[in-house]
Amino acid sequence: MHNFGLTRSAVAAACALILIAACAGSASAQIGGLPGGLGDRIKKKTPNLLAEKPPITTSLPDARWGDASKDGFTPRDPERSLMTLQRTPDGGFVLQPGYYLMQTQSYCLKAGTHGPGGGDGYLYAPPKGPAEEAVMSIVRNSVQHPEIHQHDIQVLLWAIIARAKFEDLSSELKATASRLLTPRQLASLNRNALDALSGNALTDALGGVPEPLRQVAQAEAQLRQMLSTPGASYAEMERVAVLGGAAPLGPGSQEIPTGRWSLHPDGYYVRYIPSGYSSTRVEIWVPQGSPAVGKEYDPATHVAVPGNTARQRLIQSGRPQQAQ
């Protein structure tokens, strides 16, 4: 009995340490933007907690294409729907000169943060991180599966962000995953999954996460627990992932006005105007003679990153927003 007790204690301690490392890793993408060298001081204080990358690392320092010179600018070209352009097999659009708009389905990629609002602007950044391939595949393949509800796609993305074990997911969500991901991608994600902890084990684990990052870490842990619990509703998960109330100014934030354009590396301008985390007005301007003509706008390669780091990162999709 004495040895068994020691084993149980060791297992509990190991699980807590694993969760600490993952939670701090999930927040590590924010650390580079902390002011005054705070990020370096946190790393020195808790070096082992930040060793692993979160599934998606895209953060404000990756959004390097904002163009302040275009603030307040609206193209003179007549507005056209993106849906009038030729589609690609990946659910993208073949660009032509002009000014294009689309109210798209968008998805939260950062649990435990506030939704859009407060006049904060968003900038273009590409998806980055160990799970970028899977996340882009889900968003791309969803275009070919309009029967899959947007909520189911969002829950699947939350499962990836929270590193939930796929064998613990509901049968319905497993079926959704099998339609949007390859067996190889599913296996890869499952290898990086974490156990769900709650109660004292969760409290002890979160005790090692620095306070500016604790909120995200706790939300991911709660989502992991909810995703493995039968009967958890979308509304309950949404309350954990998308915080209500006034958003504070997050560490490393920048003053980005709403509607700021980003100049994409392919040569077109893009801006994002969210109306909630699940729906974003995407505007694209392709000037005459632009090198972007004939190239693909692939929404799954676009993460709208807020100037306020306390708000949601939003990946875009090629599915138009519509009542569901």
C-alpha atoms as a PDB file:
ATOM      1  CA  MET A   1       0.000   0.000   0.000  1.00  0.00           C
ATOM      2  CA  HIS A   2       2.865   2.383   0.825  1.00  0.00           C
ATOM      3  CA  ASN A   3       4.439   1.980  -2.630  1.00  0.00           C
ATOM      4  CA  PHE A   4       1.043   2.353  -4.325  1.00  0.00           C
ATOM      5  CA  GLY A   5       0.500   5.649  -2.508  1.00  0.00           C
ATOM      6  CA  LEU A   6       3.860   6.926  -3.653  1.00  0.00           C
ATOM      7  CA  THR A   7       3.055   5.939  -7.226  1.00  0.00           C
ATOM      8  CA  ARG A   8      -0.253   7.789  -7.144  1.00  0.00           C
ATOM      9  CA  SER A   9       1.447  10.893  -5.761  1.00  0.00           C
ATOM     10  CA  ALA A  10       4.145  10.736  -8.418  1.00  0.00           C
ATOM     11  CA  VAL A  11       1.579  10.358 -11.197  1.00  0.00           C
ATOM     12  CA  ALA A  12      -0.437  13.313  -9.897  1.00  0.00           C
ATOM     13  CA  ALA A  13       2.675  15.451  -9.661  1.00  0.00           C
ATOM     14  CA  ALA A  14       3.749  14.479 -13.175  1.00  0.00           C
ATOM     15  CA  CYS A  15       0.318  15.313 -14.611  1.00  0.00           C
ATOM     16  CA  ALA A  16       0.404  18.698 -12.908  1.00  0.00           C
ATOM     17  CA  LEU A  17       3.838  19.470 -14.293  1.00  0.00           C
ATOM     18  CA  ILE A  18       2.743  18.469 -17.793  1.00  0.00           C
ATOM     19  CA  LEU A  19      -0.280  20.761 -17.586  1.00  0.00           C
ATOM     20  CA  ILE A  20       1.853  23.642 -16.316  1.00  0.00           C
ATOM     21  CA  ALA A  21       4.233  23.241 -19.217  1.00  0.00           C
ATOM     22  CA  ALA A  22       1.395  23.112 -21.732  1.00  0.00           C
ATOM     23  CA  CYS A  23      -0.497  26.021 -20.256  1.00  0.00           C
ATOM     24  CA  ALA A  24       2.555  28.223 -20.127  1.00  0.00           C
ATOM     25  CA  GLY A  25       3.447  27.069 -23.614  1.00  0.00           C
ATOM     26  CA  SER A  26      -0.007  28.043 -24.811  1.00  0.00           C
ATOM     27  CA  ALA A  27       0.648  31.531 -23.549  1.00  0.00           C
ATOM     28  CA  SER A  28       4.255  31.744 -24.707  1.00  0.00           C
ATOM     29  CA  ALA A  29       3.219  33.273 -28.032  1.00  0.00           C
ATOM     30  CA  GLN A  30       2.157  36.353 -26.074  1.00  0.00           C
ATOM     31  CA  ILE A  31       5.379  36.674 -24.114  1.00  0.00           C
ATOM     32  CA  GLY A  32       7.499  38.100 -26.899  1.00  0.00           C
ATOM     33  CA  GLY A  33       5.263  41.156 -26.998  1.00  0.00           C
ATOM     34  CA  LEU A  34       5.420  41.927 -23.269  1.00  0.00           C
ATOM     35  CA  PRO A  35       6.923  45.346 -22.563  1.00  0.00           C
ATOM     36  CA  GLY A  36      10.099  46.224 -20.694  1.00  0.00           C
ATOM     37  CA  GLY A  37      11.702  42.817 -20.958  1.00  0.00           C
ATOM     38  CA  LEU A  38       8.926  41.236 -18.871  1.00  0.00           C
ATOM     39  CA  GLY A  39       8.833  38.246 -21.215  1.00  0.00           C
ATOM     40  CA  ASP A  40      12.530  37.526 -20.646  1.00  0.00           C
ATOM     41  CA  ARG A  41      12.129  37.859 -16.894  1.00  0.00           C
ATOM     42  CA  ILE A  42       9.196  35.407 -16.932  1.00  0.00           C
ATOM     43  CA  LYS A  43      11.208  32.917 -18.970  1.00  0.00           C
ATOM     44  CA  LYS A  44      14.131  33.149 -16.559  1.00  0.00           C
ATOM     45  CA  LYS A  45      11.810  32.669 -13.602  1.00  0.00           C
ATOM     46  CA  THR A  46       9.948  29.697 -15.105  1.00  0.00           C
ATOM     47  CA  PRO A  47      12.232  28.270 -17.820  1.00  0.00           C
ATOM     48  CA  ASN A  48      10.704  24.777 -17.847  1.00  0.00           C
ATOM     49  CA  LEU A  49       7.129  26.037 -18.193  1.00  0.00           C
ATOM     50  CA  LEU A  50       7.674  27.685 -21.567  1.00  0.00           C
ATOM     51  CA  ALA A  51       9.586  24.960 -23.358  1.00  0.00           C
ATOM     52  CA  GLU A  52       6.716  23.678 -25.514  1.00  0.00           C
ATOM     53  CA  LYS A  53       5.003  25.595 -28.282  1.00  0.00           C
ATOM     54  CA  PRO A  54       1.217  25.982 -28.189  1.00  0.00           C
ATOM     55  CA  PRO A  55      -0.711  24.461 -31.121  1.00  0.00           C
ATOM     56  CA  ILE A  56      -1.092  27.908 -32.733  1.00  0.00           C
ATOM     57  CA  THR A  57       1.556  30.520 -31.958  1.00  0.00           C
ATOM     58  CA  THR A  58       0.390  33.379 -34.208  1.00  0.00           C
ATOM     59  CA  SER A  59       0.488  36.629 -32.234  1.00  0.00           C
ATOM     60  CA  LEU A  60       0.778  40.379 -32.693  1.00  0.00           C
ATOM     61  CA  PRO A  61       4.529  40.403 -33.509  1.00  0.00           C
ATOM     62  CA  ASP A  62       3.693  38.175 -36.517  1.00  0.00           C
ATOM     63  CA  ALA A  63       1.306  40.821 -37.919  1.00  0.00           C
ATOM     64  CA  ARG A  64       3.960  42.830 -39.776  1.00  0.00           C
ATOM     65  CA  TRP A  65       1.977  44.041 -42.789  1.00  0.00           C
ATOM     66  CA  GLY A  66      -0.259  46.789 -41.403  1.00  0.00           C
ATOM     67  CA  ASP A  67      -0.288  49.938 -43.575  1.00  0.00           C
ATOM     68  CA  ALA A  68      -1.056  53.047 -41.522  1.00  0.00           C
ATOM     69  CA  SER A  69      -0.739  55.202 -44.652  1.00  0.00           C
ATOM     70  CA  LYS A  70      -4.063  53.734 -45.834  1.00  0.00           C
ATOM     71  CA  ASP A  71      -6.031  54.582 -42.667  1.00  0.00           C
ATOM     72  CA  GLY A  72      -9.401  56.031 -43.688  1.00  0.00           C
ATOM     73  CA  PHE A  73      -8.962  54.910 -47.285  1.00  0.00           C
ATOM     74  CA  THR A  74     -11.818  53.310 -49.229  1.00  0.00           C
ATOM     75  CA  PRO A  75     -11.192  52.153 -52.812  1.00  0.00           C
ATOM     76  CA  ARG A  76     -13.102  53.989 -55.534  1.00  0.00           C
ATOM     77  CA  ASP A  77     -13.778  50.713 -57.343  1.00  0.00           C
ATOM     78  CA  PRO A  78     -17.384  49.508 -57.114  1.00  0.00           C
ATOM     79  CA  GLU A  79     -17.969  46.975 -54.351  1.00  0.00           C
ATOM     80  CA  ARG A  80     -18.233  43.370 -55.520  1.00  0.00           C
ATOM     81  CA  SER A  81     -18.820  40.134 -53.662  1.00  0.00           C
ATOM     82  CA  LEU A  82     -15.852  37.789 -53.287  1.00  0.00           C
ATOM     83  CA  MET A  83     -18.292  35.075 -54.296  1.00  0.00           C
ATOM     84  CA  THR A  84     -18.233  36.431 -57.869  1.00  0.00           C
ATOM     85  CA  LEU A  85     -14.610  35.295 -58.246  1.00  0.00           C
ATOM     86  CA  GLN A  86     -13.479  31.879 -59.427  1.00  0.00           C
ATOM     87  CA  ARG A  87     -13.070  29.432 -56.534  1.00  0.00           C
ATOM     88  CA  THR A  88     -10.082  27.169 -55.969  1.00  0.00           C
ATOM     89  CA  PRO A  89     -10.097  23.527 -54.769  1.00  0.00           C
ATOM     90  CA  ASP A  90      -9.007  24.739 -51.314  1.00  0.00           C
ATOM     91  CA  GLY A  91     -12.018  27.021 -50.986  1.00  0.00           C
ATOM     92  CA  GLY A  92     -10.074  30.144 -51.920  1.00  0.00           C
ATOM     93  CA  PHE A  93     -10.628  32.790 -54.580  1.00  0.00           C
ATOM     94  CA  VAL A  94      -8.656  33.675 -57.729  1.00  0.00           C
ATOM     95  CA  LEU A  95      -8.033  37.405 -57.445  1.00  0.00           C
ATOM     96  CA  GLN A  96      -8.788  39.956 -60.126  1.00  0.00           C
ATOM     97  CA  PRO A  97      -8.453  43.752 -60.025  1.00  0.00           C
ATOM     98  CA  GLY A  98     -11.176  45.362 -57.940  1.00  0.00           C
ATOM     99  CA  TYR A  99     -12.664  45.896 -54.496  1.00  0.00           C
ATOM    100  CA  TYR A 100     -14.234  42.779 -52.952  1.00  0.00           C
ATOM    101  CA  LEU A 101     -16.267  42.166 -49.813  1.00  0.00           C
ATOM    102  CA  MET A 102     -17.558  39.130 -47.989  1.00  0.00           C
ATOM    103  CA  GLN A 103     -19.162  38.530 -44.589  1.00  0.00           C
ATOM    104  CA  THR A 104     -17.400  35.309 -43.647  1.00  0.00           C
ATOM    105  CA  GLN A 105     -17.556  32.699 -40.944  1.00  0.00           C
ATOM    106  CA  SER A 106     -14.587  33.215 -38.664  1.00  0.00           C
ATOM    107  CA  TYR A 107     -13.285  31.201 -35.735  1.00  0.00           C
ATOM    108  CA  CYS A 108     -11.711  31.846 -32.364  1.00  0.00           C
ATOM    109  CA  LEU A 109      -8.122  30.605 -32.024  1.00  0.00           C
ATOM    110  CA  LYS A 110      -7.363  31.935 -28.545  1.00  0.00           C
ATOM    111  CA  ALA A 111      -9.508  30.744 -25.663  1.00  0.00           C
ATOM    112  CA  GLY A 112      -9.789  32.797 -22.503  1.00  0.00           C
ATOM    113  CA  THR A 113      -9.758  36.172 -24.261  1.00  0.00           C
ATOM    114  CA  HIS A 114     -12.356  38.794 -25.120  1.00  0.00           C
ATOM    115  CA  GLY A 115     -14.272  38.985 -28.365  1.00  0.00           C
ATOM    116  CA  PRO A 116     -13.915  41.861 -30.846  1.00  0.00           C
ATOM    117  CA  GLY A 117     -15.059  45.340 -29.882  1.00  0.00           C
ATOM    118  CA  GLY A 118     -14.016  48.649 -28.422  1.00  0.00           C
ATOM    119  CA  GLY A 119     -12.810  50.027 -31.744  1.00  0.00           C
ATOM    120  CA  ASP A 120      -9.775  47.741 -31.785  1.00  0.00           C
ATOM    121  CA  GLY A 121      -8.405  46.987 -35.244  1.00  0.00           C
ATOM    122  CA  TYR A 122      -7.136  43.700 -36.672  1.00  0.00           C
ATOM    123  CA  LEU A 123      -4.091  42.942 -38.826  1.00  0.00           C
ATOM    124  CA  TYR A 124      -3.141  40.100 -41.150  1.00  0.00           C
ATOM    125  CA  ALA A 125      -0.810  37.352 -39.958  1.00  0.00           C
ATOM    126  CA  PRO A 126      -0.331  33.778 -41.226  1.00  0.00           C
ATOM    127  CA  PRO A 127      -1.184  30.732 -39.097  1.00  0.00           C
ATOM    128  CA  LYS A 128       1.887  29.473 -37.260  1.00  0.00           C
ATOM    129  CA  GLY A 129       2.519  26.658 -34.818  1.00  0.00           C
ATOM    130  CA  PRO A 130       2.657  22.864 -34.585  1.00  0.00           C
ATOM    131  CA  ALA A 131      -1.060  22.523 -35.434  1.00  0.00           C
ATOM    132  CA  GLU A 132      -1.151  25.038 -38.306  1.00  0.00           C
ATOM    133  CA  GLU A 133      -1.589  22.302 -40.941  1.00  0.00           C
ATOM    134  CA  ALA A 134      -4.539  20.733 -39.130  1.00  0.00           C
ATOM    135  CA  VAL A 135      -6.196  24.069 -38.391  1.00  0.00           C
ATOM    136  CA  MET A 136      -5.899  25.219 -42.011  1.00  0.00           C
ATOM    137  CA  SER A 137      -7.174  21.837 -43.243  1.00  0.00           C
ATOM    138  CA  ILE A 138     -10.283  22.107 -41.063  1.00  0.00           C
ATOM    139  CA  VAL A 139     -11.094  25.580 -42.348  1.00  0.00           C
ATOM    140  CA  ARG A 140     -10.333  24.733 -45.989  1.00  0.00           C
ATOM    141  CA  ASN A 141     -12.219  21.431 -46.025  1.00  0.00           C
ATOM    142  CA  SER A 142     -15.236  22.966 -44.298  1.00  0.00           C
ATOM    143  CA  VAL A 143     -16.016  24.814 -47.544  1.00  0.00           C
ATOM    144  CA  GLN A 144     -16.751  21.455 -49.191  1.00  0.00           C
ATOM    145  CA  HIS A 145     -18.950  20.423 -46.253  1.00  0.00           C
ATOM    146  CA  PRO A 146     -21.634  23.084 -45.863  1.00  0.00           C
ATOM    147  CA  GLU A 147     -23.706  20.536 -43.931  1.00  0.00           C
ATOM    148  CA  ILE A 148     -21.294  20.813 -40.987  1.00  0.00           C
ATOM    149  CA  HIS A 149     -22.538  23.459 -38.561  1.00  0.00           C
ATOM    150  CA  GLN A 150     -20.203  26.347 -37.791  1.00  0.00           C
ATOM    151  CA  HIS A 151     -20.464  25.547 -34.077  1.00  0.00           C
ATOM    152  CA  ASP A 152     -19.124  22.032 -34.673  1.00  0.00           C
ATOM    153  CA  ILE A 153     -16.132  23.427 -36.555  1.00  0.00           C
ATOM    154  CA  GLN A 154     -15.455  25.906 -33.756  1.00  0.00           C
ATOM    155  CA  VAL A 155     -15.614  23.194 -31.087  1.00  0.00           C
ATOM    156  CA  LEU A 156     -13.166  21.094 -33.101  1.00  0.00           C
ATOM    157  CA  LEU A 157     -10.781  24.055 -33.266  1.00  0.00           C
ATOM    158  CA  TRP A 158     -11.160  24.617 -29.524  1.00  0.00           C
ATOM    159  CA  ALA A 159     -10.312  20.950 -28.996  1.00  0.00           C
ATOM    160  CA  ILE A 160      -7.060  21.470 -30.905  1.00  0.00           C
ATOM    161  CA  ILE A 161      -6.179  24.709 -29.101  1.00  0.00           C
ATOM    162  CA  ALA A 162      -6.889  23.085 -25.736  1.00  0.00           C
ATOM    163  CA  ARG A 163      -5.020  19.862 -26.692  1.00  0.00           C
ATOM    164  CA  ALA A 164      -7.986  17.672 -25.864  1.00  0.00           C
ATOM    165  CA  LYS A 165      -7.698  13.915 -26.364  1.00  0.00           C
ATOM    166  CA  PHE A 166      -9.644  12.996 -29.474  1.00  0.00           C
ATOM    167  CA  GLU A 167     -10.665   9.600 -28.125  1.00  0.00           C
ATOM    168  CA  ASP A 168     -12.442  11.489 -25.319  1.00  0.00           C
ATOM    169  CA  LEU A 169     -14.521  13.624 -27.686  1.00  0.00           C
ATOM    170  CA  SER A 170     -18.183  12.953 -28.428  1.00  0.00           C
ATOM    171  CA  SER A 171     -19.006  10.600 -31.272  1.00  0.00           C
ATOM    172  CA  GLU A 172     -20.526  13.514 -33.206  1.00  0.00           C
ATOM    173  CA  LEU A 173     -17.343  15.582 -32.927  1.00  0.00           C
ATOM    174  CA  LYS A 174     -15.200  12.601 -33.868  1.00  0.00           C
ATOM    175  CA  ALA A 175     -17.309  12.218 -37.005  1.00  0.00           C
ATOM    176  CA  THR A 176     -16.779  15.891 -37.837  1.00  0.00           C
ATOM    177  CA  ALA A 177     -13.039  15.530 -37.320  1.00  0.00           C
ATOM    178  CA  SER A 178     -12.883  12.480 -39.588  1.00  0.00           C
ATOM    179  CA  ARG A 179     -14.512  14.449 -42.416  1.00  0.00           C
ATOM    180  CA  LEU A 180     -12.163  17.428 -42.108  1.00  0.00           C
ATOM    181  CA  LEU A 181      -8.845  15.826 -41.133  1.00  0.00           C
ATOM    182  CA  THR A 182      -6.762  12.934 -42.420  1.00  0.00           C
ATOM    183  CA  PRO A 183      -5.964   9.938 -40.182  1.00  0.00           C
ATOM    184  CA  ARG A 184      -2.364  11.149 -40.039  1.00  0.00           C
ATOM    185  CA  GLN A 185      -3.429  14.579 -38.830  1.00  0.00           C
ATOM    186  CA  LEU A 186      -5.720  13.084 -36.196  1.00  0.00           C
ATOM    187  CA  ALA A 187      -2.959  10.821 -34.930  1.00  0.00           C
ATOM    188  CA  SER A 188      -0.520  13.719 -34.731  1.00  0.00           C
ATOM    189  CA  LEU A 189      -2.920  15.834 -32.709  1.00  0.00           C
ATOM    190  CA  ASN A 190      -3.705  12.976 -30.355  1.00  0.00           C
ATOM    191  CA  ARG A 191      -0.005  12.449 -29.637  1.00  0.00           C
ATOM    192  CA  ASN A 192       0.171  16.020 -28.361  1.00  0.00           C
ATOM    193  CA  ALA A 193      -3.010  15.826 -26.268  1.00  0.00           C
ATOM    194  CA  LEU A 194      -3.100  16.313 -22.508  1.00  0.00           C
ATOM    195  CA  ASP A 195      -5.086  14.733 -19.710  1.00  0.00           C
ATOM    196  CA  ALA A 196      -7.987  16.709 -18.274  1.00  0.00           C
ATOM    197  CA  LEU A 197      -7.336  17.881 -14.726  1.00  0.00           C
ATOM    198  CA  SER A 198      -9.736  19.506 -12.298  1.00  0.00           C
ATOM    199  CA  GLY A 199     -10.016  20.390  -8.639  1.00  0.00           C
ATOM    200  CA  ASN A 200      -6.845  20.563  -6.573  1.00  0.00           C
ATOM    201  CA  ALA A 201      -4.662  19.140  -9.356  1.00  0.00           C
ATOM    202  CA  LEU A 202      -5.748  21.934 -11.699  1.00  0.00           C
ATOM    203  CA  THR A 203      -5.350  24.590  -9.005  1.00  0.00           C
ATOM    204  CA  ASP A 204      -1.840  23.383  -8.182  1.00  0.00           C
ATOM    205  CA  ALA A 205      -0.870  23.266 -11.847  1.00  0.00           C
ATOM    206  CA  LEU A 206      -2.120  26.767 -12.596  1.00  0.00           C
ATOM    207  CA  GLY A 207      -0.240  28.039  -9.581  1.00  0.00           C
ATOM    208  CA  GLY A 208       2.957  27.830 -11.622  1.00  0.00           C
ATOM    209  CA  VAL A 209       1.666  29.981 -14.478  1.00  0.00           C
ATOM    210  CA  PRO A 210       2.440  33.739 -14.304  1.00  0.00           C
ATOM    211  CA  GLU A 211      -0.646  35.850 -13.648  1.00  0.00           C
ATOM    212  CA  PRO A 212      -0.793  37.643 -17.041  1.00  0.00           C
ATOM    213  CA  LEU A 213      -1.033  34.241 -18.723  1.00  0.00           C
ATOM    214  CA  ARG A 214      -3.133  32.351 -16.204  1.00  0.00           C
ATOM    215  CA  GLN A 215      -6.481  33.286 -17.773  1.00  0.00           C
ATOM    216  CA  VAL A 216      -5.689  31.640 -21.107  1.00  0.00           C
ATOM    217  CA  ALA A 217      -4.182  28.594 -19.402  1.00  0.00           C
ATOM    218  CA  GLN A 218      -7.243  28.144 -17.181  1.00  0.00           C
ATOM    219  CA  ALA A 219      -9.645  28.481 -20.112  1.00  0.00           C
ATOM    220  CA  GLU A 220      -7.775  25.803 -22.073  1.00  0.00           C
ATOM    221  CA  ALA A 221      -7.813  23.488 -19.064  1.00  0.00           C
ATOM    222  CA  GLN A 222     -11.548  24.051 -18.544  1.00  0.00           C
ATOM    223  CA  LEU A 223     -12.255  23.412 -22.224  1.00  0.00           C
ATOM    224  CA  ARG A 224     -10.257  20.201 -22.073  1.00  0.00           C
ATOM    225  CA  GLN A 225     -12.365  19.085 -19.120  1.00  0.00           C
ATOM    226  CA  MET A 226     -15.643  20.069 -20.804  1.00  0.00           C
ATOM    227  CA  LEU A 227     -14.752  18.366 -24.085  1.00  0.00           C
ATOM    228  CA  SER A 228     -14.277  15.089 -22.217  1.00  0.00           C
ATOM    229  CA  THR A 229     -17.534  15.501 -20.260  1.00  0.00           C
ATOM    230  CA  PRO A 230     -20.737  14.240 -21.938  1.00  0.00           C
ATOM    231  CA  GLY A 231     -23.465  16.837 -22.175  1.00  0.00           C
ATOM    232  CA  ALA A 232     -21.356  19.996 -22.138  1.00  0.00           C
ATOM    233  CA  SER A 233     -23.139  22.535 -24.346  1.00  0.00           C
ATOM    234  CA  TYR A 234     -21.730  24.947 -26.911  1.00  0.00           C
ATOM    235  CA  ALA A 235     -22.952  27.893 -24.843  1.00  0.00           C
ATOM    236  CA  GLU A 236     -21.038  26.628 -21.810  1.00  0.00           C
ATOM    237  CA  MET A 237     -17.832  26.224 -23.793  1.00  0.00           C
ATOM    238  CA  GLU A 238     -18.319  29.614 -25.414  1.00  0.00           C
ATOM    239  CA  ARG A 239     -18.574  31.303 -22.001  1.00  0.00           C
ATOM    240  CA  VAL A 240     -15.188  29.830 -21.092  1.00  0.00           C
ATOM    241  CA  ALA A 241     -13.476  30.566 -24.406  1.00  0.00           C
ATOM    242  CA  VAL A 242     -14.921  34.021 -25.125  1.00  0.00           C
ATOM    243  CA  LEU A 243     -14.894  36.346 -22.142  1.00  0.00           C
ATOM    244  CA  GLY A 244     -17.625  38.904 -21.578  1.00  0.00           C
ATOM    245  CA  GLY A 245     -17.379  42.412 -20.213  1.00  0.00           C
ATOM    246  CA  ALA A 246     -14.952  45.194 -21.032  1.00  0.00           C
ATOM    247  CA  ALA A 247     -11.600  43.989 -22.329  1.00  0.00           C
ATOM    248  CA  PRO A 248      -8.503  45.287 -20.561  1.00  0.00           C
ATOM    249  CA  LEU A 249      -5.477  46.368 -22.565  1.00  0.00           C
ATOM    250  CA  GLY A 250      -3.352  43.229 -22.890  1.00  0.00           C
ATOM    251  CA  PRO A 251       0.441  43.112 -22.504  1.00  0.00           C
ATOM    252  CA  GLY A 252       2.315  44.234 -25.606  1.00  0.00           C
ATOM    253  CA  SER A 253      -0.785  45.758 -27.230  1.00  0.00           C
ATOM    254  CA  GLN A 254      -0.564  48.305 -30.042  1.00  0.00           C
ATOM    255  CA  GLU A 255      -2.978  51.066 -30.975  1.00  0.00           C
ATOM    256  CA  ILE A 256      -4.508  49.726 -34.196  1.00  0.00           C
ATOM    257  CA  PRO A 257      -7.623  51.577 -35.413  1.00  0.00           C
ATOM    258  CA  THR A 258     -10.530  49.567 -36.719  1.00  0.00           C
ATOM    259  CA  GLY A 259     -10.446  49.106 -40.475  1.00  0.00           C
ATOM    260  CA  ARG A 260      -6.670  49.325 -40.909  1.00  0.00           C
ATOM    261  CA  TRP A 261      -5.477  47.693 -44.136  1.00  0.00           C
ATOM    262  CA  SER A 262      -2.717  45.105 -44.292  1.00  0.00           C
ATOM    263  CA  LEU A 263      -0.632  44.785 -47.462  1.00  0.00           C
ATOM    264  CA  HIS A 264      -0.428  41.036 -48.056  1.00  0.00           C
ATOM    265  CA  PRO A 265       2.951  39.736 -49.317  1.00  0.00           C
ATOM    266  CA  ASP A 266       1.208  38.666 -52.552  1.00  0.00           C
ATOM    267  CA  GLY A 267       0.419  42.289 -53.342  1.00  0.00           C
ATOM    268  CA  TYR A 268      -3.235  42.821 -52.372  1.00  0.00           C
ATOM    269  CA  TYR A 269      -4.731  44.800 -49.495  1.00  0.00           C
ATOM    270  CA  VAL A 270      -6.949  43.154 -46.895  1.00  0.00           C
ATOM    271  CA  ARG A 271      -8.765  44.328 -43.799  1.00  0.00           C
ATOM    272  CA  TYR A 272     -11.002  42.633 -41.255  1.00  0.00           C
ATOM    273  CA  ILE A 273     -14.005  44.134 -39.465  1.00  0.00           C
ATOM    274  CA  PRO A 274     -15.433  41.530 -37.057  1.00  0.00           C
ATOM    275  CA  SER A 275     -18.988  41.676 -35.752  1.00  0.00           C
ATOM    276  CA  GLY A 276     -18.370  39.113 -33.033  1.00  0.00           C
ATOM    277  CA  TYR A 277     -15.802  36.340 -33.114  1.00  0.00           C
ATOM    278  CA  SER A 278     -17.874  34.129 -35.427  1.00  0.00           C
ATOM    279  CA  SER A 279     -18.451  36.589 -38.259  1.00  0.00           C
ATOM    280  CA  THR A 280     -16.015  38.954 -39.980  1.00  0.00           C
ATOM    281  CA  ARG A 281     -16.429  41.383 -42.857  1.00  0.00           C
ATOM    282  CA  VAL A 282     -13.376  40.810 -45.061  1.00  0.00           C
ATOM    283  CA  GLU A 283     -12.493  43.494 -47.587  1.00  0.00           C
ATOM    284  CA  ILE A 284      -9.895  42.940 -50.308  1.00  0.00           C
ATOM    285  CA  TRP A 285      -8.577  45.508 -52.723  1.00  0.00           C
ATOM    286  CA  VAL A 286      -6.549  44.428 -55.749  1.00  0.00           C
ATOM    287  CA  PRO A 287      -5.195  47.527 -57.553  1.00  0.00           C
ATOM    288  CA  GLN A 288      -4.845  47.532 -61.318  1.00  0.00           C
ATOM    289  CA  GLY A 289      -1.465  46.087 -62.279  1.00  0.00           C
ATOM    290  CA  SER A 290      -1.004  44.433 -58.890  1.00  0.00           C
ATOM    291  CA  PRO A 291       1.155  41.285 -58.790  1.00  0.00           C
ATOM    292  CA  ALA A 292      -1.764  39.710 -56.886  1.00  0.00           C
ATOM    293  CA  VAL A 293      -3.860  39.392 -60.059  1.00  0.00           C
ATOM    294  CA  GLY A 294      -4.363  35.690 -60.755  1.00  0.00           C
ATOM    295  CA  LYS A 295      -3.119  34.645 -57.310  1.00  0.00           C
ATOM    296  CA  GLU A 296      -5.231  32.903 -54.691  1.00  0.00           C
ATOM    297  CA  TYR A 297      -6.783  34.488 -51.657  1.00  0.00           C
ATOM    298  CA  ASP A 298      -6.932  31.511 -49.302  1.00  0.00           C
ATOM    299  CA  PRO A 299      -8.903  32.555 -46.189  1.00  0.00           C
ATOM    300  CA  ALA A 300      -7.502  29.634 -44.183  1.00  0.00           C
ATOM    301  CA  THR A 301      -4.068  31.288 -44.347  1.00  0.00           C
ATOM    302  CA  HIS A 302      -5.397  34.487 -42.761  1.00  0.00           C
ATOM    303  CA  VAL A 303      -5.477  35.045 -39.017  1.00  0.00           C
ATOM    304  CA  ALA A 304      -6.928  38.421 -38.036  1.00  0.00           C
ATOM    305  CA  VAL A 305      -4.779  39.511 -35.095  1.00  0.00           C
ATOM    306  CA  PRO A 306      -6.069  42.274 -32.794  1.00  0.00           C
ATOM    307  CA  GLY A 307      -4.001  45.247 -31.711  1.00  0.00           C
ATOM    308  CA  ASN A 308      -5.270  44.539 -28.185  1.00  0.00           C
ATOM    309  CA  THR A 309      -3.702  41.226 -27.136  1.00  0.00           C
ATOM    310  CA  ALA A 310      -6.545  40.654 -24.663  1.00  0.00           C
ATOM    311  CA  ARG A 311      -8.889  39.994 -27.600  1.00  0.00           C
ATOM    312  CA  GLN A 312      -9.463  36.970 -29.833  1.00  0.00           C
ATOM    313  CA  ARG A 313      -7.336  35.908 -32.784  1.00  0.00           C
ATOM    314  CA  LEU A 314      -9.725  35.040 -35.621  1.00  0.00           C
ATOM    315  CA  ILE A 315      -8.987  32.649 -38.483  1.00  0.00           C
ATOM    316  CA  GLN A 316     -11.019  33.352 -41.609  1.00  0.00           C
ATOM    317  CA  SER A 317     -12.896  30.892 -43.805  1.00  0.00           C
ATOM    318  CA  GLY A 318     -14.238  30.707 -47.342  1.00  0.00           C
ATOM    319  CA  ARG A 319     -17.773  30.062 -46.038  1.00  0.00           C
ATOM    320  CA  PRO A 320     -20.149  33.026 -46.231  1.00  0.00           C
ATOM    321  CA  GLN A 321     -21.919  33.894 -43.000  1.00  0.00           C
ATOM    322  CA  GLN A 322     -25.554  32.906 -43.007  1.00  0.00           C
ATOM    323  CA  ALA A 323     -28.273  32.136 -40.516  1.00  0.00           C
ATOM    324  CA  GLN A 324     -27.949  28.662 -39.037  1.00  0.00           C
END
